[in-house]
């Protein structure tokens, strides 16, 4: 398979000039968190964008320039510089009403030696104060200069035309792109989600720190593995609602973005700390994944810190995990270490298996042979007195697999019988890691 890297377009600018607003406008989604607090965006986030049949990767850098009280500012700066160095085109966003300020000159000084095409975008062109400052921005020596309003979309099409015009010949999309599998890495704060993403991608793509709340945006990147394409999404740690409310609007928005990432994913990897085991909060996150109908894998991280405890520890640990998350008895468990890379390859194998199983469709004839065999040995149990017979069944949907069982009387199956059917379906057809939906209808 002949693949070429998508061209990369990187947004850069001082804090609060509207980089995240522009990113969301061009990407067509609310991927980047927008807030009036300087330094809200920490990580480098990217999104595939198509304009006039040309595809490229749009990247939003963190607030790498300007004064900051963020204890992780040095990491933000390093990640931002890495993104700039790999850019094919840089969009230098400035604030029109404020005019040219020393912080802008600092950025321009850093961009000139890179030798990469720079498009200057003067934001907030809908503000009449912008008109008097436009000429100042030509003094940076970069062309073209485009006036836009990221919030209202004014001039954004012109900006995109300029970007596409400066992309190199390699800016076309891969000649053959397989359907991507969306993978959301979720869990509580500080369980090692970002470290796991970096290990999977084999690069320091996501900020890693012991400080809870380091990750704010849902940061994603494409991983190609054995002719598969996985879009790996690192999400903010999801805490209890009370704690989120107390921590402020930025974290509340981060949690919302994490939940949206689950809704967009095919498979969610629930990362659990091996030293703590599964908690009530892990169960709450798992419940959200299950309700969303996403495939799920339980990844026990930091296994290198406990694996010397002996076979008895491993056995009791897994029993405890299964007890604490007993409604996820269908979810595979993998013990791994993001720090050392141990069993990370196994995680990729499981992601692939779960993604395939979630879209598996059972032929109707095969499903009805299954129904005959199962019900002859174990007839349906229902709350009513009248005998219930399953006349036939069909699979009506995939992702998640959904089955309708047609019966002779209007009823619903007893919970235990529904679980029995689920277990037999998994034994016969797979579906590991995927929730199943079962409906009962009278013929």
Protein backbone atom coordinates (compact mmCIF):
# COMPACT_ATOMS: atom_id res chain seq x y z
CA UNK A 1 0.00 0.00 0.00
CA UNK A 2 1.58 3.25 -1.15
CA UNK A 3 0.93 6.00 1.38
CA UNK A 4 2.24 9.52 1.62
CA UNK A 5 2.17 11.79 4.62
CA UNK A 6 -0.51 14.44 4.64
CA UNK A 7 0.87 17.96 4.51
CA UNK A 8 0.79 19.65 7.90
CA UNK A 9 -0.54 23.17 8.47
CA UNK A 10 0.30 24.58 11.89
CA UNK A 11 -1.45 27.46 13.67
CA UNK A 12 0.72 29.68 15.85
CA UNK A 13 0.16 32.94 17.73
CA UNK A 14 0.07 34.63 21.08
CA UNK A 15 -2.39 33.41 23.74
CA UNK A 16 -6.00 34.43 23.16
CA UNK A 17 -5.66 35.63 19.56
CA UNK A 18 -8.19 32.98 18.48
CA UNK A 19 -6.14 29.95 17.39
CA UNK A 20 -8.56 27.43 18.86
CA UNK A 21 -11.57 29.30 17.46
CA UNK A 22 -9.99 29.26 13.99
CA UNK A 23 -9.09 25.58 14.40
CA UNK A 24 -12.71 24.71 15.24
CA UNK A 25 -13.98 26.83 12.35
CA UNK A 26 -11.77 25.14 9.75
CA UNK A 27 -12.09 21.64 11.23
CA UNK A 28 -15.87 21.96 11.36
CA UNK A 29 -16.05 20.75 14.96
CA UNK A 30 -15.54 21.91 18.52
CA UNK A 31 -12.35 19.87 18.95
CA UNK A 32 -10.27 22.58 20.61
CA UNK A 33 -11.42 24.07 23.91
CA UNK A 34 -12.08 27.81 23.71
CA UNK A 35 -11.86 29.86 26.90
CA UNK A 36 -10.71 33.40 27.78
CA UNK A 37 -7.99 32.01 30.06
CA UNK A 38 -4.49 32.28 28.50
CA UNK A 39 -2.83 28.91 28.07
CA UNK A 40 -6.07 26.92 27.88
CA UNK A 41 -4.69 24.84 25.00
CA UNK A 42 -1.66 22.84 26.14
CA UNK A 43 -1.37 19.94 23.76
CA UNK A 44 -0.80 19.88 20.03
CA UNK A 45 -4.12 18.76 18.50
CA UNK A 46 -4.66 17.87 14.86
CA UNK A 47 -7.53 17.23 12.47
CA UNK A 48 -7.69 16.05 8.86
CA UNK A 49 -9.15 18.87 6.70
CA UNK A 50 -10.20 18.94 3.05
CA UNK A 51 -10.42 22.13 0.98
CA UNK A 52 -10.95 22.21 -2.78
CA UNK A 53 -10.21 18.47 -3.00
CA UNK A 54 -6.87 18.91 -1.22
CA UNK A 55 -6.42 17.22 2.14
CA UNK A 56 -4.05 18.33 4.86
CA UNK A 57 -3.61 18.00 8.62
CA UNK A 58 -4.48 21.14 10.55
CA UNK A 59 -2.58 21.44 13.85
CA UNK A 60 -3.32 23.78 16.75
CA UNK A 61 -0.34 24.46 19.00
CA UNK A 62 -0.62 25.25 22.68
CA UNK A 63 -0.06 28.75 24.07
CA UNK A 64 3.70 28.46 23.59
CA UNK A 65 4.40 32.19 23.41
CA UNK A 66 3.90 34.87 26.02
CA UNK A 67 4.11 34.91 29.80
CA UNK A 68 2.47 31.99 31.58
CA UNK A 69 1.98 30.77 35.13
CA UNK A 70 1.28 27.27 33.85
CA UNK A 71 3.76 24.90 35.57
CA UNK A 72 3.82 22.87 32.35
CA UNK A 73 4.68 25.83 30.11
CA UNK A 74 8.16 24.51 29.25
CA UNK A 75 6.59 21.27 27.94
CA UNK A 76 4.01 23.27 25.98
CA UNK A 77 6.79 25.28 24.32
CA UNK A 78 8.80 22.17 23.38
CA UNK A 79 5.79 20.43 21.85
CA UNK A 80 4.86 23.59 19.95
CA UNK A 81 8.38 23.89 18.51
CA UNK A 82 8.31 20.26 17.42
CA UNK A 83 5.06 20.92 15.55
CA UNK A 84 6.48 24.03 13.86
CA UNK A 85 9.59 22.18 12.72
CA UNK A 86 7.44 19.55 10.96
CA UNK A 87 5.08 22.06 9.30
CA UNK A 88 4.64 22.51 5.54
CA UNK A 89 2.77 25.80 5.99
CA UNK A 90 2.49 27.98 9.10
CA UNK A 91 -0.52 30.21 9.78
CA UNK A 92 0.62 33.10 11.99
CA UNK A 93 -2.49 34.42 13.71
CA UNK A 94 -2.47 37.98 15.09
CA UNK A 95 -5.07 40.15 16.82
CA UNK A 96 -6.26 42.96 14.52
CA UNK A 97 -7.75 45.33 17.12
CA UNK A 98 -4.63 45.12 19.30
CA UNK A 99 -2.26 45.75 16.39
CA UNK A 100 1.35 44.58 16.29
CA UNK A 101 2.76 44.01 19.77
CA UNK A 102 6.20 42.81 20.99
CA UNK A 103 4.88 39.27 21.46
CA UNK A 104 4.07 39.09 17.75
CA UNK A 105 7.58 40.22 16.84
CA UNK A 106 9.00 37.51 19.10
CA UNK A 107 7.04 34.88 17.17
CA UNK A 108 8.03 36.33 13.79
CA UNK A 109 11.70 36.23 14.84
CA UNK A 110 11.36 32.53 15.67
CA UNK A 111 9.54 31.70 12.41
CA UNK A 112 11.92 33.40 9.94
CA UNK A 113 14.85 30.95 10.27
CA UNK A 114 12.58 27.93 9.68
CA UNK A 115 12.33 28.61 5.95
CA UNK A 116 8.69 27.44 5.92
CA UNK A 117 5.93 29.38 4.08
CA UNK A 118 4.06 31.63 6.51
CA UNK A 119 0.56 33.02 5.94
CA UNK A 120 -0.33 35.91 8.28
CA UNK A 121 -4.00 35.84 9.35
CA UNK A 122 -5.26 39.04 10.97
CA UNK A 123 -8.11 37.94 13.20
CA UNK A 124 -11.19 39.90 14.30
CA UNK A 125 -11.48 41.76 10.99
CA UNK A 126 -15.12 42.44 11.86
CA UNK A 127 -13.88 44.87 14.53
CA UNK A 128 -13.50 48.34 13.00
CA UNK A 129 -10.31 48.92 15.01
CA UNK A 130 -8.58 46.35 12.80
CA UNK A 131 -8.54 48.63 9.74
CA UNK A 132 -5.90 50.94 11.21
CA UNK A 133 -3.45 48.15 12.08
CA UNK A 134 -3.40 46.03 8.92
CA UNK A 135 -0.37 47.78 7.39
CA UNK A 136 1.72 47.10 10.52
CA UNK A 137 1.57 43.35 9.98
CA UNK A 138 3.16 43.55 6.52
CA UNK A 139 6.36 44.67 8.25
CA UNK A 140 6.99 41.12 9.45
CA UNK A 141 8.07 40.31 5.90
CA UNK A 142 5.64 37.42 5.43
CA UNK A 143 3.16 37.17 2.58
CA UNK A 144 0.32 36.73 1.98
CA UNK A 145 -1.57 38.64 4.68
CA UNK A 146 -5.26 37.78 5.01
CA UNK A 147 -7.94 39.47 7.11
CA UNK A 148 -10.37 37.06 8.80
CA UNK A 149 -12.89 36.67 11.57
CA UNK A 150 -12.47 33.19 13.06
CA UNK A 151 -15.62 33.58 15.13
CA UNK A 152 -17.90 34.55 12.24
CA UNK A 153 -16.09 32.88 9.32
CA UNK A 154 -15.30 36.09 7.47
CA UNK A 155 -12.32 35.65 5.11
CA UNK A 156 -11.66 32.03 6.21
CA UNK A 157 -12.26 30.72 2.67
CA UNK A 158 -9.65 33.17 1.35
CA UNK A 159 -7.24 31.98 4.03
CA UNK A 160 -7.78 28.35 3.04
CA UNK A 161 -7.17 29.23 -0.62
CA UNK A 162 -3.82 30.75 0.37
CA UNK A 163 -2.92 27.72 2.51
CA UNK A 164 -3.68 25.24 -0.27
CA UNK A 165 -1.76 27.36 -2.74
CA UNK A 166 1.38 27.11 -0.59
CA UNK A 167 1.20 23.38 0.11
CA UNK A 168 3.87 21.23 -1.53
CA UNK A 169 3.09 18.60 -4.15
CA UNK A 170 2.87 15.97 -1.42
CA UNK A 171 -0.26 17.62 -0.02
CA UNK A 172 -2.60 15.20 -1.72
CA UNK A 173 -4.24 12.55 0.39
CA UNK A 174 -2.91 8.98 0.57
CA UNK A 175 -3.64 7.03 -2.60
CA UNK A 176 -5.48 4.44 -0.57
CA UNK A 177 -6.87 5.14 2.87
CA UNK A 178 -8.61 2.40 4.83
CA UNK A 179 -11.45 3.25 7.15
CA UNK A 180 -10.00 4.54 10.39
CA UNK A 181 -10.87 2.96 13.70
CA UNK A 182 -11.50 5.60 16.34
CA UNK A 183 -9.87 4.67 19.66
CA UNK A 184 -10.57 6.78 22.76
CA UNK A 185 -8.10 6.43 25.63
CA UNK A 186 -10.16 7.18 28.75
CA UNK A 187 -9.90 6.92 32.51
CA UNK A 188 -9.36 8.82 35.71
CA UNK A 189 -6.62 11.47 35.99
CA UNK A 190 -3.02 10.27 36.38
CA UNK A 191 -3.51 6.64 35.35
CA UNK A 192 -1.07 7.05 32.44
CA UNK A 193 -3.36 7.76 29.47
CA UNK A 194 -1.02 10.27 27.83
CA UNK A 195 2.03 8.06 28.42
CA UNK A 196 0.19 5.21 26.75
CA UNK A 197 -0.68 7.37 23.74
CA UNK A 198 2.94 8.46 23.40
CA UNK A 199 4.07 4.83 23.60
CA UNK A 200 1.57 3.79 20.93
CA UNK A 201 2.61 6.62 18.61
CA UNK A 202 6.32 6.22 19.43
CA UNK A 203 6.68 9.95 19.87
CA UNK A 204 6.19 12.53 22.61
CA UNK A 205 2.95 13.76 21.09
CA UNK A 206 1.09 14.40 24.34
CA UNK A 207 2.21 16.24 27.47
CA UNK A 208 2.96 13.94 30.41
CA UNK A 209 3.08 15.17 34.00
CA UNK A 210 2.17 13.99 37.48
CA UNK A 211 -0.16 16.98 37.77
CA UNK A 212 -3.87 16.01 37.52
CA UNK A 213 -5.60 17.80 34.65
CA UNK A 214 -2.53 18.05 32.41
CA UNK A 215 -4.53 16.95 29.36
CA UNK A 216 -7.40 19.28 28.55
CA UNK A 217 -8.22 18.84 24.86
CA UNK A 218 -8.99 15.51 23.21
CA UNK A 219 -5.65 15.05 21.44
CA UNK A 220 -5.57 12.67 18.52
CA UNK A 221 -3.22 11.27 15.91
CA UNK A 222 -3.37 8.49 13.35
CA UNK A 223 -1.43 5.29 14.03
CA UNK A 224 -0.88 2.85 11.16
CA UNK A 225 -0.30 -0.70 12.33
CA UNK A 226 -0.30 -3.86 10.18
CA UNK A 227 -2.26 -2.15 7.38
CA UNK A 228 -4.75 -0.79 9.90
CA UNK A 229 -5.38 2.88 10.65
CA UNK A 230 -6.24 3.76 14.24
CA UNK A 231 -7.10 7.32 15.22
CA UNK A 232 -5.86 7.38 18.81
CA UNK A 233 -7.58 10.01 20.97
CA UNK A 234 -6.12 10.95 24.37
CA UNK A 235 -8.78 12.48 26.59
CA UNK A 236 -8.80 14.45 29.80
CA UNK A 237 -9.13 12.44 33.00
CA UNK A 238 -12.79 12.14 33.99
CA UNK A 239 -13.33 12.90 37.66
CA UNK A 240 -16.43 12.84 39.83
CA UNK A 241 -18.93 15.58 38.90
CA UNK A 242 -18.50 17.39 42.23
CA UNK A 243 -14.74 17.59 41.84
CA UNK A 244 -15.04 18.74 38.23
CA UNK A 245 -17.44 21.53 39.22
CA UNK A 246 -15.07 22.70 41.93
CA UNK A 247 -12.08 22.77 39.55
CA UNK A 248 -13.53 25.31 37.13
CA UNK A 249 -14.91 25.76 33.64
CA UNK A 250 -11.84 24.57 31.72
CA UNK A 251 -11.86 21.12 33.31
CA UNK A 252 -15.63 20.88 33.00
CA UNK A 253 -15.25 21.53 29.27
CA UNK A 254 -12.39 19.00 29.11
CA UNK A 255 -14.64 16.31 30.57
CA UNK A 256 -17.34 17.18 28.04
CA UNK A 257 -14.79 16.84 25.22
CA UNK A 258 -13.73 13.45 26.65
CA UNK A 259 -17.32 12.25 26.60
CA UNK A 260 -17.70 13.43 23.03
CA UNK A 261 -14.55 11.48 22.16
CA UNK A 262 -16.21 8.34 23.55
CA UNK A 263 -19.29 9.06 21.42
CA UNK A 264 -17.12 9.33 18.27
CA UNK A 265 -14.97 6.27 18.99
CA UNK A 266 -15.34 2.71 17.79
CA UNK A 267 -13.33 1.32 20.71
CA UNK A 268 -12.64 2.84 24.13
CA UNK A 269 -9.60 1.77 26.13
CA UNK A 270 -10.34 2.20 29.84
CA UNK A 271 -6.97 2.74 31.53
CA UNK A 272 -6.80 1.52 35.14
CA UNK A 273 -3.91 2.01 37.57
CA UNK A 274 -2.45 -1.38 38.54
CA UNK A 275 -1.58 -0.11 42.01
CA UNK A 276 -5.16 0.88 42.78
CA UNK A 277 -7.29 -1.50 40.75
CA UNK A 278 -10.71 -0.49 39.45
CA UNK A 279 -12.60 2.16 41.39
CA UNK A 280 -16.21 3.33 41.46
CA UNK A 281 -15.22 6.13 39.10
CA UNK A 282 -13.76 3.61 36.65
CA UNK A 283 -17.08 1.77 36.77
CA UNK A 284 -18.93 5.03 36.06
CA UNK A 285 -16.73 5.72 33.02
CA UNK A 286 -17.20 2.13 31.82
CA UNK A 287 -20.95 2.58 32.15
CA UNK A 288 -20.82 5.60 29.85
CA UNK A 289 -18.88 3.58 27.28
CA UNK A 290 -21.36 0.73 27.46
CA UNK A 291 -24.37 3.03 27.13
CA UNK A 292 -22.75 4.61 24.08
CA UNK A 293 -22.47 1.16 22.50
CA UNK A 294 -18.71 1.36 22.07
CA UNK A 295 -16.29 -1.54 22.18
CA UNK A 296 -14.24 -1.58 25.37
CA UNK A 297 -10.88 -2.91 26.53
CA UNK A 298 -9.64 -2.69 30.11
CA UNK A 299 -5.95 -1.74 30.06
CA UNK A 300 -4.25 -2.16 33.45
CA UNK A 301 -1.33 0.27 33.24
CA UNK A 302 1.83 0.44 35.41
CA UNK A 303 1.94 -3.35 35.56
CA UNK A 304 5.74 -3.15 35.78
CA UNK A 305 5.30 -1.75 39.30
CA UNK A 306 3.37 -4.77 40.61
CA UNK A 307 4.15 -7.76 38.39
CA UNK A 308 6.81 -9.08 40.77
CA UNK A 309 4.13 -9.78 43.35
CA UNK A 310 3.58 -13.38 42.18
CA UNK A 311 0.93 -15.47 40.42
CA UNK A 312 -1.47 -15.33 43.34
CA UNK A 313 -1.49 -11.52 43.12
CA UNK A 314 -2.27 -11.66 39.40
CA UNK A 315 -5.12 -14.11 39.94
CA UNK A 316 -6.73 -12.16 42.77
CA UNK A 317 -6.18 -8.86 40.97
CA UNK A 318 -8.08 -10.06 37.90
CA UNK A 319 -10.84 -11.54 40.05
CA UNK A 320 -11.18 -8.19 41.82
CA UNK A 321 -11.28 -6.30 38.51
CA UNK A 322 -14.01 -8.62 37.24
CA UNK A 323 -15.99 -8.20 40.44
CA UNK A 324 -15.68 -4.40 40.45
CA UNK A 325 -16.60 -4.20 36.75
CA UNK A 326 -18.84 -7.26 36.60
CA UNK A 327 -21.12 -5.76 33.95
CA UNK A 328 -18.05 -5.79 31.65
CA UNK A 329 -17.43 -9.51 31.79
CA UNK A 330 -17.20 -9.46 27.98
CA UNK A 331 -14.37 -6.89 27.93
CA UNK A 332 -10.82 -8.22 27.47
CA UNK A 333 -8.24 -7.25 30.10
CA UNK A 334 -4.60 -6.57 29.23
CA UNK A 335 -1.81 -5.89 31.73
CA UNK A 336 0.70 -3.45 30.28
CA UNK A 337 3.24 -0.76 30.99
CA UNK A 338 3.22 2.47 29.02
CA UNK A 339 6.62 3.25 30.55
CA UNK A 340 8.39 0.10 29.34
CA UNK A 341 6.17 -0.79 26.37
CA UNK A 342 5.35 -4.23 27.80
CA UNK A 343 2.27 -5.79 26.10
CA UNK A 344 1.40 -2.60 24.22
CA UNK A 345 1.50 -4.69 21.02
CA UNK A 346 -1.12 -6.95 22.60
CA UNK A 347 -3.33 -3.92 23.20
CA UNK A 348 -3.19 -3.08 19.48
CA UNK A 349 -4.19 -6.63 18.63
CA UNK A 350 -7.18 -6.40 20.97
CA UNK A 351 -8.25 -3.03 19.55
CA UNK A 352 -8.28 -4.58 16.08
CA UNK A 353 -10.23 -7.64 17.26
CA UNK A 354 -12.83 -5.59 19.12
CA UNK A 355 -13.28 -3.16 16.22
CA UNK A 356 -13.84 -6.04 13.78
CA UNK A 357 -16.19 -7.86 16.15
CA UNK A 358 -18.26 -4.75 16.76
CA UNK A 359 -19.10 -4.65 13.04
CA UNK A 360 -19.65 -8.38 12.61
CA UNK A 361 -22.93 -9.42 11.01
CA UNK A 362 -24.37 -12.91 11.49
CA UNK A 363 -26.30 -14.29 8.49
CA UNK A 364 -29.98 -14.81 9.32
CA UNK A 365 -29.93 -18.52 8.47
CA UNK A 366 -26.93 -19.11 10.71
CA UNK A 367 -28.50 -17.09 13.50
CA UNK A 368 -31.71 -19.12 13.37
CA UNK A 369 -29.80 -22.40 13.52
CA UNK A 370 -28.23 -20.96 16.65
CA UNK A 371 -31.70 -20.10 18.04
CA UNK A 372 -32.99 -23.64 17.43
CA UNK A 373 -30.01 -25.24 19.15
CA UNK A 374 -30.04 -22.91 22.14
CA UNK A 375 -33.78 -22.85 22.83
CA UNK A 376 -34.21 -26.61 22.52
CA UNK A 377 -31.82 -27.06 25.43
CA UNK A 378 -32.81 -23.91 27.35
CA UNK A 379 -36.31 -22.57 26.52
CA UNK A 380 -36.92 -18.86 27.13
CA UNK A 381 -37.76 -17.68 30.60
CA UNK A 382 -40.08 -14.72 30.93
CA UNK A 383 -41.99 -13.02 33.75
CA UNK A 384 -45.38 -14.18 32.37
CA UNK A 385 -47.15 -17.53 32.86
CA UNK A 386 -47.66 -18.45 29.21
CA UNK A 387 -44.95 -20.52 27.54
CA UNK A 388 -42.72 -18.41 25.34
CA UNK A 389 -41.20 -19.63 22.10
CA UNK A 390 -38.63 -17.83 19.97
CA UNK A 391 -39.91 -18.30 16.43
CA UNK A 392 -36.97 -16.68 14.64
CA UNK A 393 -34.36 -13.96 15.02
CA UNK A 394 -32.47 -11.47 12.90
CA UNK A 395 -29.58 -9.07 13.36
CA UNK A 396 -30.83 -5.57 12.61
CA UNK A 397 -27.70 -3.50 13.14
CA UNK A 398 -23.97 -3.48 13.77
CA UNK A 399 -21.77 -1.20 15.90
CA UNK A 400 -23.06 -2.33 18.33
CA UNK A 401 -24.48 -5.68 17.15
CA UNK A 402 -28.24 -5.58 17.66
CA UNK A 403 -30.55 -8.59 17.55
CA UNK A 404 -34.34 -8.87 17.46
CA UNK A 405 -35.95 -12.11 18.71
CA UNK A 406 -39.51 -12.67 17.52
CA UNK A 407 -41.73 -14.60 19.92
CA UNK A 408 -45.21 -16.07 19.98
CA UNK A 409 -46.43 -13.75 22.75
CA UNK A 410 -45.77 -10.18 23.72
CA UNK A 411 -43.23 -10.33 26.49
CA UNK A 412 -39.72 -9.52 27.52
CA UNK A 413 -37.05 -11.98 28.53
CA UNK A 414 -36.04 -12.37 32.13
CA UNK A 415 -32.76 -10.58 32.82
CA UNK A 416 -30.98 -13.87 33.45
CA UNK A 417 -32.17 -15.33 30.15
CA UNK A 418 -31.09 -12.24 28.25
CA UNK A 419 -27.62 -12.61 29.76
CA UNK A 420 -27.68 -16.28 28.82
CA UNK A 421 -28.42 -15.38 25.20
CA UNK A 422 -25.66 -12.78 25.20
CA UNK A 423 -23.12 -15.27 26.49
CA UNK A 424 -24.15 -17.91 23.95
CA UNK A 425 -23.99 -15.37 21.10
CA UNK A 426 -20.45 -14.43 22.13
CA UNK A 427 -19.39 -18.06 22.40
CA UNK A 428 -20.77 -18.84 18.94
CA UNK A 429 -19.92 -15.70 16.95
CA UNK A 430 -17.36 -13.64 18.84
CA UNK A 431 -18.21 -10.02 19.67
CA UNK A 432 -15.49 -9.86 22.35
CA UNK A 433 -15.32 -6.40 23.86
CA UNK A 434 -18.55 -5.17 22.28
CA UNK A 435 -21.87 -4.64 24.04
CA UNK A 436 -24.83 -6.40 22.47
CA UNK A 437 -28.36 -5.08 22.14
CA UNK A 438 -31.23 -7.58 22.41
CA UNK A 439 -34.88 -6.72 21.63
CA UNK A 440 -37.96 -8.95 21.81
CA UNK A 441 -41.01 -8.55 19.57
CA UNK A 442 -44.20 -10.50 19.06
CA UNK A 443 -44.73 -11.79 15.52
